[in-house]
Amino acid sequence: MKLRHCALLALLAGAAQATEIAVIVHPQAGVETLSADEIAQLFLGKSNSFANGQVVIPVEQSAGPLRDEFSTRALNKSATAVRAFRAKLQFTGKAVAPKEIGSSADVKKFVASNPNSIGYIDKAAVDGSVKAIAHY
C-alpha cells in the first residue's frame, strides 16, 4: 500500500513539473529574446527596462501554482523568498514589484494590449496575440 502511495506521489509530482512556462511580450515590443538573468532582473524589480532602453511593466498572477513554479525555475527562489526580497527593495525605494493580475488569461490579455509589458503563462496558452521569448 505504501509503495502505491509513493508511486502515485511521484507521478503527480512529475505531472506538476510538466507545465512549461512561457515568458511573453507584445508581438510589437521589439524584443526577440531575453537572457535568464535579464528576466530575473525584471521580475525581481532590479531592472525596469529592456536592453533597448524601453521601460517595461512586468505582470504576473496574484497567486497560484504557476507563479510558484516561475519563482522556483526563473528566479531560483521560493515564492516566499521572492515576496520578501521584493518587499525589502520596495521598502528602501529601490524597486517596484510586478503588477499583479488575477489569472493567466488576464496576464495574456494585459500583455497583448500593452507593448511595454512582460509576463508569463502556461506555454500551451501562447497564441498570436503574444510572443514567447523564453521558456522554463
N, C-alpha and C. Protein backbone atom coordinates (compact mmCIF):
# COMPACT_ATOMS: atom_id res chain seq x y z
N MET A 1 0.83 -1.20 0.00
CA MET A 1 0.00 0.00 0.00
C MET A 1 0.87 1.26 0.00
N LYS A 2 1.92 1.26 0.84
CA LYS A 2 2.81 2.42 0.89
C LYS A 2 3.50 2.63 -0.45
N LEU A 3 3.85 1.53 -1.10
CA LEU A 3 4.50 1.61 -2.40
C LEU A 3 3.58 2.27 -3.43
N ARG A 4 2.30 1.95 -3.38
CA ARG A 4 1.34 2.57 -4.30
C ARG A 4 1.24 4.07 -4.06
N HIS A 5 1.20 4.46 -2.79
CA HIS A 5 1.12 5.89 -2.46
C HIS A 5 2.37 6.62 -2.94
N CYS A 6 3.53 6.01 -2.75
CA CYS A 6 4.78 6.63 -3.20
C CYS A 6 4.79 6.78 -4.72
N ALA A 7 4.33 5.74 -5.41
CA ALA A 7 4.28 5.79 -6.87
C ALA A 7 3.31 6.87 -7.35
N LEU A 8 2.17 6.97 -6.68
CA LEU A 8 1.19 8.00 -7.05
C LEU A 8 1.75 9.39 -6.81
N LEU A 9 2.41 9.60 -5.68
CA LEU A 9 3.01 10.90 -5.39
C LEU A 9 4.09 11.25 -6.42
N ALA A 10 4.89 10.29 -6.80
CA ALA A 10 5.94 10.54 -7.80
C ALA A 10 5.31 10.90 -9.14
N LEU A 11 4.23 10.22 -9.49
CA LEU A 11 3.54 10.50 -10.75
C LEU A 11 2.94 11.91 -10.73
N LEU A 12 2.31 12.27 -9.63
CA LEU A 12 1.72 13.61 -9.51
C LEU A 12 2.78 14.69 -9.51
N ALA A 13 3.89 14.45 -8.85
CA ALA A 13 4.98 15.43 -8.84
C ALA A 13 5.53 15.63 -10.24
N GLY A 14 5.65 14.55 -10.99
CA GLY A 14 6.13 14.64 -12.37
C GLY A 14 5.16 15.41 -13.24
N ALA A 15 3.87 15.21 -13.03
CA ALA A 15 2.86 15.93 -13.81
C ALA A 15 2.90 17.42 -13.50
N ALA A 16 3.12 17.76 -12.24
CA ALA A 16 3.19 19.17 -11.86
C ALA A 16 4.40 19.84 -12.51
N GLN A 17 5.49 19.11 -12.65
CA GLN A 17 6.69 19.66 -13.26
C GLN A 17 6.56 19.76 -14.78
N ALA A 18 5.56 19.08 -15.34
CA ALA A 18 5.43 19.03 -16.79
C ALA A 18 4.97 20.35 -17.40
N THR A 19 4.39 21.24 -16.61
CA THR A 19 3.94 22.52 -17.14
C THR A 19 5.13 23.33 -17.61
N GLU A 20 5.09 23.72 -18.87
CA GLU A 20 6.16 24.57 -19.39
C GLU A 20 5.67 26.01 -19.35
N ILE A 21 6.50 26.88 -18.81
CA ILE A 21 6.14 28.29 -18.65
C ILE A 21 6.77 29.09 -19.78
N ALA A 22 5.97 29.93 -20.41
CA ALA A 22 6.46 30.81 -21.47
C ALA A 22 6.48 32.25 -20.95
N VAL A 23 7.62 32.91 -21.12
CA VAL A 23 7.71 34.34 -20.83
C VAL A 23 7.25 35.04 -22.10
N ILE A 24 6.29 35.96 -21.95
CA ILE A 24 5.66 36.57 -23.12
C ILE A 24 5.79 38.09 -23.14
N VAL A 25 5.79 38.62 -24.35
CA VAL A 25 5.76 40.06 -24.58
C VAL A 25 4.75 40.33 -25.70
N HIS A 26 4.44 41.58 -25.90
CA HIS A 26 3.59 42.00 -27.02
C HIS A 26 4.35 41.72 -28.31
N PRO A 27 3.68 41.28 -29.36
CA PRO A 27 4.37 40.99 -30.62
C PRO A 27 5.14 42.18 -31.20
N GLN A 28 4.73 43.40 -30.88
CA GLN A 28 5.39 44.60 -31.39
C GLN A 28 6.35 45.22 -30.38
N ALA A 29 6.72 44.49 -29.35
CA ALA A 29 7.59 45.03 -28.29
C ALA A 29 9.01 45.31 -28.77
N GLY A 30 9.41 44.70 -29.87
CA GLY A 30 10.77 44.90 -30.36
C GLY A 30 11.79 44.07 -29.61
N VAL A 31 11.34 43.02 -28.94
CA VAL A 31 12.22 42.14 -28.18
C VAL A 31 12.07 40.73 -28.74
N GLU A 32 13.18 40.14 -29.14
CA GLU A 32 13.16 38.79 -29.69
C GLU A 32 13.43 37.74 -28.62
N THR A 33 14.33 38.06 -27.71
CA THR A 33 14.69 37.13 -26.64
C THR A 33 15.31 37.91 -25.49
N LEU A 34 15.26 37.33 -24.31
CA LEU A 34 15.93 37.87 -23.13
C LEU A 34 16.68 36.73 -22.46
N SER A 35 17.79 37.04 -21.86
CA SER A 35 18.53 36.02 -21.11
C SER A 35 17.79 35.71 -19.81
N ALA A 36 18.12 34.59 -19.22
CA ALA A 36 17.53 34.23 -17.93
C ALA A 36 17.82 35.30 -16.89
N ASP A 37 19.01 35.88 -16.94
CA ASP A 37 19.37 36.93 -15.99
C ASP A 37 18.53 38.19 -16.20
N GLU A 38 18.32 38.57 -17.46
CA GLU A 38 17.50 39.76 -17.74
C GLU A 38 16.06 39.57 -17.26
N ILE A 39 15.53 38.37 -17.46
CA ILE A 39 14.18 38.07 -17.00
C ILE A 39 14.11 38.14 -15.48
N ALA A 40 15.08 37.54 -14.81
CA ALA A 40 15.11 37.59 -13.35
C ALA A 40 15.21 39.03 -12.85
N GLN A 41 16.05 39.83 -13.48
CA GLN A 41 16.21 41.23 -13.08
C GLN A 41 14.87 41.98 -13.17
N LEU A 42 14.12 41.74 -14.23
CA LEU A 42 12.83 42.41 -14.41
C LEU A 42 11.81 41.97 -13.36
N PHE A 43 11.71 40.66 -13.13
CA PHE A 43 10.68 40.17 -12.21
C PHE A 43 11.07 40.29 -10.74
N LEU A 44 12.34 40.49 -10.45
CA LEU A 44 12.74 40.75 -9.07
C LEU A 44 12.70 42.24 -8.74
N GLY A 45 12.51 43.07 -9.76
CA GLY A 45 12.43 44.51 -9.54
C GLY A 45 13.78 45.20 -9.59
N LYS A 46 14.80 44.49 -10.02
CA LYS A 46 16.15 45.08 -10.10
C LYS A 46 16.33 45.91 -11.37
N SER A 47 15.47 45.71 -12.35
CA SER A 47 15.53 46.45 -13.61
C SER A 47 14.11 46.80 -14.02
N ASN A 48 13.97 47.89 -14.77
CA ASN A 48 12.64 48.27 -15.25
C ASN A 48 12.62 48.56 -16.74
N SER A 49 13.62 48.04 -17.46
CA SER A 49 13.64 48.28 -18.91
C SER A 49 14.30 47.13 -19.65
N PHE A 50 13.93 47.02 -20.93
CA PHE A 50 14.59 46.06 -21.81
C PHE A 50 15.97 46.61 -22.15
N ALA A 51 16.81 45.79 -22.75
CA ALA A 51 18.16 46.21 -23.13
C ALA A 51 18.14 47.40 -24.09
N ASN A 52 17.06 47.54 -24.87
CA ASN A 52 16.96 48.65 -25.82
C ASN A 52 16.53 49.96 -25.14
N GLY A 53 16.37 49.93 -23.82
CA GLY A 53 16.00 51.13 -23.07
C GLY A 53 14.52 51.33 -22.87
N GLN A 54 13.70 50.51 -23.53
CA GLN A 54 12.25 50.62 -23.40
C GLN A 54 11.82 50.23 -21.98
N VAL A 55 11.11 51.13 -21.30
CA VAL A 55 10.60 50.85 -19.96
C VAL A 55 9.55 49.75 -20.08
N VAL A 56 9.57 48.82 -19.14
CA VAL A 56 8.70 47.65 -19.21
C VAL A 56 7.94 47.46 -17.89
N ILE A 57 6.73 46.95 -18.01
CA ILE A 57 5.90 46.64 -16.85
C ILE A 57 5.79 45.13 -16.73
N PRO A 58 6.45 44.52 -15.74
CA PRO A 58 6.26 43.08 -15.52
C PRO A 58 4.90 42.84 -14.88
N VAL A 59 4.20 41.81 -15.35
CA VAL A 59 2.90 41.44 -14.78
C VAL A 59 2.89 39.95 -14.48
N GLU A 60 2.14 39.58 -13.45
CA GLU A 60 2.04 38.18 -13.08
C GLU A 60 0.72 37.93 -12.36
N GLN A 61 0.37 36.66 -12.21
CA GLN A 61 -0.82 36.30 -11.47
C GLN A 61 -0.66 36.70 -10.01
N SER A 62 -1.78 36.97 -9.36
CA SER A 62 -1.74 37.33 -7.94
C SER A 62 -1.18 36.20 -7.10
N ALA A 63 -1.53 34.98 -7.41
CA ALA A 63 -1.05 33.81 -6.67
C ALA A 63 -1.35 32.56 -7.50
N GLY A 64 -0.77 31.45 -7.08
CA GLY A 64 -1.10 30.19 -7.74
C GLY A 64 0.12 29.36 -8.05
N PRO A 65 -0.11 28.13 -8.49
CA PRO A 65 0.99 27.21 -8.76
C PRO A 65 1.93 27.67 -9.86
N LEU A 66 1.40 28.34 -10.89
CA LEU A 66 2.27 28.81 -11.98
C LEU A 66 3.23 29.88 -11.46
N ARG A 67 2.73 30.76 -10.62
CA ARG A 67 3.60 31.80 -10.04
C ARG A 67 4.68 31.16 -9.17
N ASP A 68 4.29 30.16 -8.38
CA ASP A 68 5.27 29.46 -7.54
C ASP A 68 6.33 28.77 -8.39
N GLU A 69 5.89 28.12 -9.48
CA GLU A 69 6.84 27.44 -10.37
C GLU A 69 7.78 28.44 -11.05
N PHE A 70 7.24 29.57 -11.48
CA PHE A 70 8.07 30.59 -12.12
C PHE A 70 9.12 31.10 -11.13
N SER A 71 8.71 31.33 -9.90
CA SER A 71 9.66 31.79 -8.87
C SER A 71 10.80 30.80 -8.72
N THR A 72 10.45 29.52 -8.67
CA THR A 72 11.46 28.48 -8.49
C THR A 72 12.36 28.35 -9.72
N ARG A 73 11.75 28.24 -10.90
CA ARG A 73 12.53 27.98 -12.12
C ARG A 73 13.27 29.20 -12.65
N ALA A 74 12.60 30.34 -12.72
CA ALA A 74 13.20 31.52 -13.36
C ALA A 74 13.96 32.41 -12.40
N LEU A 75 13.50 32.47 -11.16
CA LEU A 75 14.11 33.38 -10.20
C LEU A 75 15.00 32.66 -9.19
N ASN A 76 14.97 31.33 -9.23
CA ASN A 76 15.77 30.50 -8.33
C ASN A 76 15.51 30.81 -6.87
N LYS A 77 14.25 31.12 -6.56
CA LYS A 77 13.85 31.41 -5.18
C LYS A 77 12.45 30.83 -4.97
N SER A 78 12.12 30.55 -3.73
CA SER A 78 10.76 30.15 -3.42
C SER A 78 9.86 31.38 -3.56
N ALA A 79 8.57 31.16 -3.70
CA ALA A 79 7.64 32.28 -3.81
C ALA A 79 7.72 33.17 -2.57
N THR A 80 7.89 32.55 -1.41
CA THR A 80 8.01 33.31 -0.16
C THR A 80 9.27 34.17 -0.17
N ALA A 81 10.37 33.61 -0.64
CA ALA A 81 11.63 34.37 -0.70
C ALA A 81 11.53 35.52 -1.70
N VAL A 82 10.82 35.31 -2.80
CA VAL A 82 10.63 36.38 -3.79
C VAL A 82 9.84 37.52 -3.17
N ARG A 83 8.75 37.18 -2.47
CA ARG A 83 7.94 38.23 -1.82
C ARG A 83 8.77 39.02 -0.81
N ALA A 84 9.58 38.33 -0.02
CA ALA A 84 10.42 39.00 0.97
C ALA A 84 11.46 39.90 0.30
N PHE A 85 12.07 39.40 -0.76
CA PHE A 85 13.07 40.17 -1.49
C PHE A 85 12.46 41.44 -2.07
N ARG A 86 11.30 41.28 -2.72
CA ARG A 86 10.63 42.44 -3.32
C ARG A 86 10.22 43.45 -2.25
N ALA A 87 9.71 42.96 -1.12
CA ALA A 87 9.28 43.86 -0.04
C ALA A 87 10.46 44.69 0.46
N LYS A 88 11.61 44.05 0.58
CA LYS A 88 12.80 44.77 1.04
C LYS A 88 13.18 45.87 0.05
N LEU A 89 13.19 45.54 -1.24
CA LEU A 89 13.53 46.54 -2.25
C LEU A 89 12.51 47.67 -2.30
N GLN A 90 11.23 47.33 -2.17
CA GLN A 90 10.19 48.35 -2.19
C GLN A 90 10.31 49.27 -0.97
N PHE A 91 10.58 48.69 0.18
CA PHE A 91 10.69 49.46 1.42
C PHE A 91 11.82 50.48 1.32
N THR A 92 12.90 50.10 0.66
CA THR A 92 14.04 51.01 0.52
C THR A 92 13.89 51.92 -0.70
N GLY A 93 12.81 51.75 -1.45
CA GLY A 93 12.56 52.60 -2.62
C GLY A 93 13.39 52.24 -3.83
N LYS A 94 13.97 51.04 -3.82
CA LYS A 94 14.85 50.64 -4.92
C LYS A 94 14.14 49.87 -6.02
N ALA A 95 12.87 49.54 -5.81
CA ALA A 95 12.18 48.74 -6.82
C ALA A 95 10.67 48.85 -6.67
N VAL A 96 10.00 48.45 -7.73
CA VAL A 96 8.55 48.32 -7.73
C VAL A 96 8.25 46.88 -8.13
N ALA A 97 7.40 46.22 -7.36
CA ALA A 97 7.05 44.83 -7.66
C ALA A 97 6.23 44.75 -8.94
N PRO A 98 6.25 43.59 -9.60
CA PRO A 98 5.42 43.41 -10.79
C PRO A 98 3.94 43.67 -10.48
N LYS A 99 3.22 44.10 -11.48
CA LYS A 99 1.78 44.32 -11.37
C LYS A 99 1.13 42.94 -11.22
N GLU A 100 0.24 42.80 -10.25
CA GLU A 100 -0.45 41.53 -10.04
C GLU A 100 -1.82 41.56 -10.71
N ILE A 101 -2.09 40.50 -11.46
CA ILE A 101 -3.34 40.36 -12.20
C ILE A 101 -3.94 39.00 -11.84
N GLY A 102 -5.25 38.89 -11.89
CA GLY A 102 -5.96 37.71 -11.43
C GLY A 102 -5.57 36.35 -11.96
N SER A 103 -5.44 36.17 -13.27
CA SER A 103 -5.23 34.84 -13.83
C SER A 103 -4.26 34.88 -15.00
N SER A 104 -3.88 33.71 -15.48
CA SER A 104 -3.02 33.64 -16.67
C SER A 104 -3.70 34.27 -17.88
N ALA A 105 -5.00 34.05 -18.00
CA ALA A 105 -5.73 34.64 -19.12
C ALA A 105 -5.67 36.17 -19.04
N ASP A 106 -5.77 36.70 -17.82
CA ASP A 106 -5.68 38.15 -17.63
C ASP A 106 -4.28 38.67 -17.94
N VAL A 107 -3.26 37.89 -17.56
CA VAL A 107 -1.87 38.28 -17.87
C VAL A 107 -1.69 38.35 -19.38
N LYS A 108 -2.15 37.32 -20.08
CA LYS A 108 -2.03 37.29 -21.54
C LYS A 108 -2.77 38.46 -22.17
N LYS A 109 -3.97 38.74 -21.70
CA LYS A 109 -4.76 39.85 -22.24
C LYS A 109 -4.05 41.19 -22.00
N PHE A 110 -3.47 41.37 -20.81
CA PHE A 110 -2.77 42.62 -20.49
C PHE A 110 -1.55 42.79 -21.40
N VAL A 111 -0.75 41.74 -21.52
CA VAL A 111 0.46 41.81 -22.36
C VAL A 111 0.08 42.04 -23.82
N ALA A 112 -0.98 41.38 -24.28
CA ALA A 112 -1.42 41.56 -25.67
C ALA A 112 -1.89 42.99 -25.95
N SER A 113 -2.30 43.69 -24.91
CA SER A 113 -2.80 45.06 -25.06
C SER A 113 -1.77 46.14 -24.75
N ASN A 114 -0.61 45.75 -24.21
CA ASN A 114 0.39 46.72 -23.76
C ASN A 114 1.77 46.36 -24.30
N PRO A 115 2.26 47.07 -25.32
CA PRO A 115 3.56 46.75 -25.92
C PRO A 115 4.74 46.87 -24.96
N ASN A 116 4.58 47.56 -23.86
CA ASN A 116 5.70 47.72 -22.92
C ASN A 116 5.54 46.83 -21.69
N SER A 117 4.95 45.66 -21.86
CA SER A 117 4.77 44.75 -20.73
C SER A 117 5.41 43.40 -21.01
N ILE A 118 5.62 42.66 -19.93
CA ILE A 118 6.17 41.30 -20.00
C ILE A 118 5.46 40.49 -18.93
N GLY A 119 5.18 39.23 -19.24
CA GLY A 119 4.53 38.36 -18.28
C GLY A 119 4.91 36.92 -18.54
N TYR A 120 4.25 36.02 -17.87
CA TYR A 120 4.48 34.59 -18.11
C TYR A 120 3.17 33.84 -17.95
N ILE A 121 3.01 32.82 -18.78
CA ILE A 121 1.81 32.00 -18.79
C ILE A 121 2.20 30.56 -19.13
N ASP A 122 1.26 29.66 -19.03
CA ASP A 122 1.48 28.29 -19.47
C ASP A 122 1.76 28.33 -20.98
N LYS A 123 2.80 27.63 -21.41
CA LYS A 123 3.19 27.65 -22.82
C LYS A 123 2.03 27.25 -23.74
N ALA A 124 1.17 26.35 -23.27
CA ALA A 124 0.04 25.89 -24.09
C ALA A 124 -0.94 27.01 -24.41
N ALA A 125 -0.93 28.10 -23.64
CA ALA A 125 -1.86 29.21 -23.85
C ALA A 125 -1.32 30.28 -24.80
N VAL A 126 -0.07 30.13 -25.25
CA VAL A 126 0.52 31.13 -26.16
C VAL A 126 -0.18 31.04 -27.51
N ASP A 127 -0.56 32.22 -28.03
CA ASP A 127 -1.16 32.29 -29.36
C ASP A 127 -0.61 33.54 -30.06
N GLY A 128 -1.20 33.92 -31.16
CA GLY A 128 -0.71 35.04 -31.95
C GLY A 128 -0.84 36.40 -31.29
N SER A 129 -1.58 36.49 -30.19
CA SER A 129 -1.76 37.78 -29.53
C SER A 129 -0.54 38.19 -28.70
N VAL A 130 0.34 37.22 -28.41
CA VAL A 130 1.56 37.48 -27.64
C VAL A 130 2.72 36.73 -28.28
N LYS A 131 3.94 37.08 -27.88
CA LYS A 131 5.12 36.41 -28.41
C LYS A 131 5.91 35.81 -27.25
N ALA A 132 6.22 34.52 -27.34
CA ALA A 132 7.05 33.86 -26.33
C ALA A 132 8.51 34.15 -26.61
N ILE A 133 9.24 34.62 -25.59
CA ILE A 133 10.65 34.95 -25.78
C ILE A 133 11.58 34.08 -24.94
N ALA A 134 10.99 33.26 -24.06
CA ALA A 134 11.78 32.33 -23.25
C ALA A 134 10.84 31.27 -22.68
N HIS A 135 11.42 30.14 -22.33
CA HIS A 135 10.64 29.04 -21.74
C HIS A 135 11.35 28.49 -20.52
N TYR A 136 10.56 28.07 -19.56
CA TYR A 136 11.09 27.43 -18.34
C TYR A 136 10.33 26.16 -18.08
